[in-house]
Amino acid sequence: MLIARTIAAAALVTALAAASVEAAKPAPSMPPMGPAPGAIVGARQGSMIMAANVLNTVDRALKANAPAKSVTFPLSGLAKWAEHIPSQFAPSTSAVPGTRAKSEVWSNRQEFLNKATDMALAADMMLAAARADDSAALTSALEKARAACKGCHDSFQAPPPAAKAG
């Protein structure tokens, strides 16, 4: 019986010692909330490609004389996205490798916001024209959207890197 009590006491002391060592370890730090800057840039770049695809889809539909309302769904996504362009350019993304955003996005923020607003308004105009099944208005709004894209990219996007020879 003495041996059993000694073994039980030793087990208890060992368990308590292990628990106190575990409790003394510092708690793991919590990761920062929200997406990492690289993830924001990746989402931004992907969404720009999708936005260009929507504009090309609208252009093809118009050239094919498809009803303007046939592009309502992709334009609803474009309009929703365009409202949030500025949030895709958080200051934390300015130094992410692979971004072509110029520093002026952050140093000339008001002009950038104005250009983003131009795109959001053009996207809303396209959506309204599609919902009204008005091809002429959609054509005009598409031209405004393309001009908004170009205006922003001319001011705030660095040119792509030169292609490597060979």
Protein backbone atom coordinates (compact mmCIF):
# COMPACT_ATOMS: atom_id res chain seq x y z
CA MET A 1 0.00 0.00 0.00
CA LEU A 2 2.89 2.34 0.76
CA ILE A 3 4.33 1.77 -2.69
CA ALA A 4 0.98 2.57 -4.34
CA ARG A 5 0.69 5.80 -2.31
CA THR A 6 4.25 6.77 -3.18
CA ILE A 7 3.60 6.18 -6.91
CA ALA A 8 0.34 8.18 -6.72
CA ALA A 9 2.07 11.04 -4.89
CA ALA A 10 4.91 11.05 -7.43
CA ALA A 11 2.41 11.13 -10.29
CA LEU A 12 0.56 14.03 -8.65
CA VAL A 13 3.78 16.01 -8.09
CA THR A 14 4.83 15.36 -11.72
CA ALA A 15 1.42 16.49 -13.05
CA LEU A 16 1.47 19.64 -10.92
CA ALA A 17 5.03 20.45 -12.02
CA ALA A 18 4.09 19.98 -15.68
CA ALA A 19 1.02 22.17 -15.27
CA SER A 20 3.03 24.95 -13.63
CA VAL A 21 5.63 24.84 -16.43
CA GLU A 22 2.85 25.04 -19.05
CA ALA A 23 1.18 27.93 -17.20
CA ALA A 24 4.48 29.84 -17.07
CA LYS A 25 4.82 29.84 -20.87
CA PRO A 26 3.84 33.14 -22.47
CA ALA A 27 0.57 33.11 -24.35
CA PRO A 28 1.03 33.03 -28.12
CA SER A 29 0.63 36.45 -29.66
CA MET A 30 -2.50 37.02 -31.66
CA PRO A 31 -2.01 37.62 -35.36
CA PRO A 32 -2.98 41.10 -36.52
CA MET A 33 -6.62 41.48 -37.45
CA GLY A 34 -7.53 41.90 -41.07
CA PRO A 35 -5.79 40.74 -44.20
CA ALA A 36 -2.05 41.07 -44.59
CA PRO A 37 -0.82 43.80 -46.97
CA GLY A 38 0.24 41.21 -49.55
CA ALA A 39 -3.23 39.69 -49.50
CA ILE A 40 -4.79 43.11 -50.06
CA VAL A 41 -2.51 43.69 -53.07
CA GLY A 42 -3.30 40.25 -54.48
CA ALA A 43 -7.03 40.85 -54.12
CA ARG A 44 -6.65 44.33 -55.63
CA GLN A 45 -4.74 43.03 -58.65
CA GLY A 46 -7.19 40.18 -59.18
CA SER A 47 -10.17 42.49 -58.90
CA MET A 48 -8.69 44.90 -61.44
CA ILE A 49 -8.39 42.00 -63.90
CA MET A 50 -12.01 41.03 -63.23
CA ALA A 51 -13.13 44.65 -63.67
CA ALA A 52 -11.39 44.81 -67.06
CA ASN A 53 -13.11 41.56 -67.99
CA VAL A 54 -16.52 43.04 -67.11
CA LEU A 55 -15.83 46.09 -69.29
CA ASN A 56 -14.79 43.80 -72.15
CA THR A 57 -17.93 41.71 -71.64
CA VAL A 58 -20.10 44.82 -71.87
CA ASP A 59 -18.25 45.94 -75.00
CA ARG A 60 -18.74 42.53 -76.66
CA ALA A 61 -22.43 42.50 -75.73
CA LEU A 62 -22.95 45.94 -77.23
CA LYS A 63 -21.10 45.00 -80.44
CA ALA A 64 -23.25 41.86 -80.71
CA ASN A 65 -26.42 43.96 -80.28
CA ALA A 66 -27.33 41.95 -77.20
CA PRO A 67 -29.93 43.55 -74.94
CA ALA A 68 -28.26 45.98 -72.53
CA LYS A 69 -30.03 44.25 -69.65
CA SER A 70 -28.05 41.06 -70.44
CA VAL A 71 -25.01 42.54 -68.65
CA THR A 72 -26.86 43.65 -65.51
CA PHE A 73 -25.40 40.91 -63.32
CA PRO A 74 -21.69 41.53 -64.05
CA LEU A 75 -22.28 45.27 -63.83
CA SER A 76 -23.89 44.90 -60.40
CA GLY A 77 -20.64 43.33 -59.21
CA LEU A 78 -18.54 46.02 -60.88
CA ALA A 79 -20.59 48.80 -59.28
CA LYS A 80 -20.27 47.21 -55.85
CA TRP A 81 -16.51 46.76 -56.29
CA ALA A 82 -15.97 50.30 -57.61
CA GLU A 83 -17.46 51.78 -54.43
CA HIS A 84 -14.59 50.23 -52.50
CA ILE A 85 -11.57 50.96 -54.69
CA PRO A 86 -9.92 53.25 -52.11
CA SER A 87 -10.01 50.53 -49.43
CA GLN A 88 -7.93 48.33 -51.72
CA PHE A 89 -5.09 50.85 -51.41
CA ALA A 90 -4.44 50.76 -47.67
CA PRO A 91 -1.22 52.58 -46.70
CA SER A 92 0.20 49.26 -45.50
CA THR A 93 0.23 48.06 -49.14
CA SER A 94 2.56 50.77 -50.45
CA ALA A 95 5.75 48.73 -49.99
CA VAL A 96 4.46 45.32 -51.04
CA PRO A 97 6.70 43.83 -53.75
CA GLY A 98 5.01 43.42 -57.11
CA THR A 99 2.62 46.34 -56.80
CA ARG A 100 2.65 48.92 -59.55
CA ALA A 101 0.81 51.50 -57.48
CA LYS A 102 2.80 54.73 -57.43
CA SER A 103 3.51 56.51 -54.15
CA GLU A 104 1.17 59.29 -55.34
CA VAL A 105 -1.77 57.02 -54.44
CA TRP A 106 -1.00 57.91 -50.82
CA SER A 107 0.80 61.26 -51.14
CA ASN A 108 -1.91 62.76 -53.39
CA ARG A 109 -4.81 60.94 -51.79
CA GLN A 110 -7.52 63.45 -52.69
CA GLU A 111 -6.78 63.23 -56.42
CA PHE A 112 -6.73 59.43 -56.13
CA LEU A 113 -10.08 59.49 -54.34
CA ASN A 114 -11.50 61.76 -57.05
CA LYS A 115 -10.38 59.32 -59.76
CA ALA A 116 -11.83 56.38 -57.81
CA THR A 117 -15.11 58.29 -57.50
CA ASP A 118 -15.13 58.84 -61.28
CA MET A 119 -14.97 55.07 -61.75
CA ALA A 120 -17.66 54.39 -59.16
CA LEU A 121 -19.99 56.92 -60.83
CA ALA A 122 -19.34 55.44 -64.29
CA ALA A 123 -20.02 51.93 -62.96
CA ASP A 124 -23.29 53.13 -61.44
CA MET A 125 -24.23 54.76 -64.76
CA MET A 126 -23.52 51.52 -66.62
CA LEU A 127 -25.62 49.53 -64.17
CA ALA A 128 -28.52 51.98 -64.43
CA ALA A 129 -28.35 51.84 -68.25
CA ALA A 130 -28.31 48.05 -68.23
CA ARG A 131 -31.26 47.88 -65.85
CA ALA A 132 -33.15 50.30 -68.14
CA ASP A 133 -32.12 48.19 -71.17
CA ASP A 134 -30.72 51.36 -72.74
CA SER A 135 -27.85 50.43 -75.07
CA ALA A 136 -27.05 54.03 -76.06
CA ALA A 137 -26.69 55.07 -72.41
CA LEU A 138 -24.67 51.94 -71.70
CA THR A 139 -22.30 52.73 -74.57
CA SER A 140 -21.78 56.27 -73.24
CA ALA A 141 -21.25 55.04 -69.67
CA LEU A 142 -18.78 52.39 -70.88
CA GLU A 143 -16.72 55.14 -72.53
CA LYS A 144 -16.76 57.07 -69.24
CA ALA A 145 -15.66 53.96 -67.32
CA ARG A 146 -12.79 53.29 -69.71
CA ALA A 147 -11.73 56.95 -69.42
CA ALA A 148 -11.89 56.71 -65.62
CA CYS A 149 -9.70 53.59 -65.64
CA LYS A 150 -7.18 55.20 -67.98
CA GLY A 151 -7.13 58.45 -66.03
CA CYS A 152 -6.40 56.71 -62.77
CA HIS A 153 -3.83 54.32 -64.22
CA ASP A 154 -2.04 57.12 -66.09
CA SER A 155 -1.68 59.05 -62.82
CA PHE A 156 -1.23 56.33 -60.24
CA GLN A 157 0.11 53.15 -61.86
CA ALA A 158 3.71 52.56 -62.87
CA PRO A 159 4.25 50.99 -66.29
CA PRO A 160 4.79 47.24 -66.38
CA PRO A 161 8.38 46.05 -66.14
CA ALA A 162 10.14 45.63 -69.47
CA ALA A 163 9.99 42.14 -70.90
CA LYS A 164 13.20 40.19 -70.57
CA ALA A 165 14.91 39.38 -73.86
CA GLY A 166 15.17 35.77 -74.84
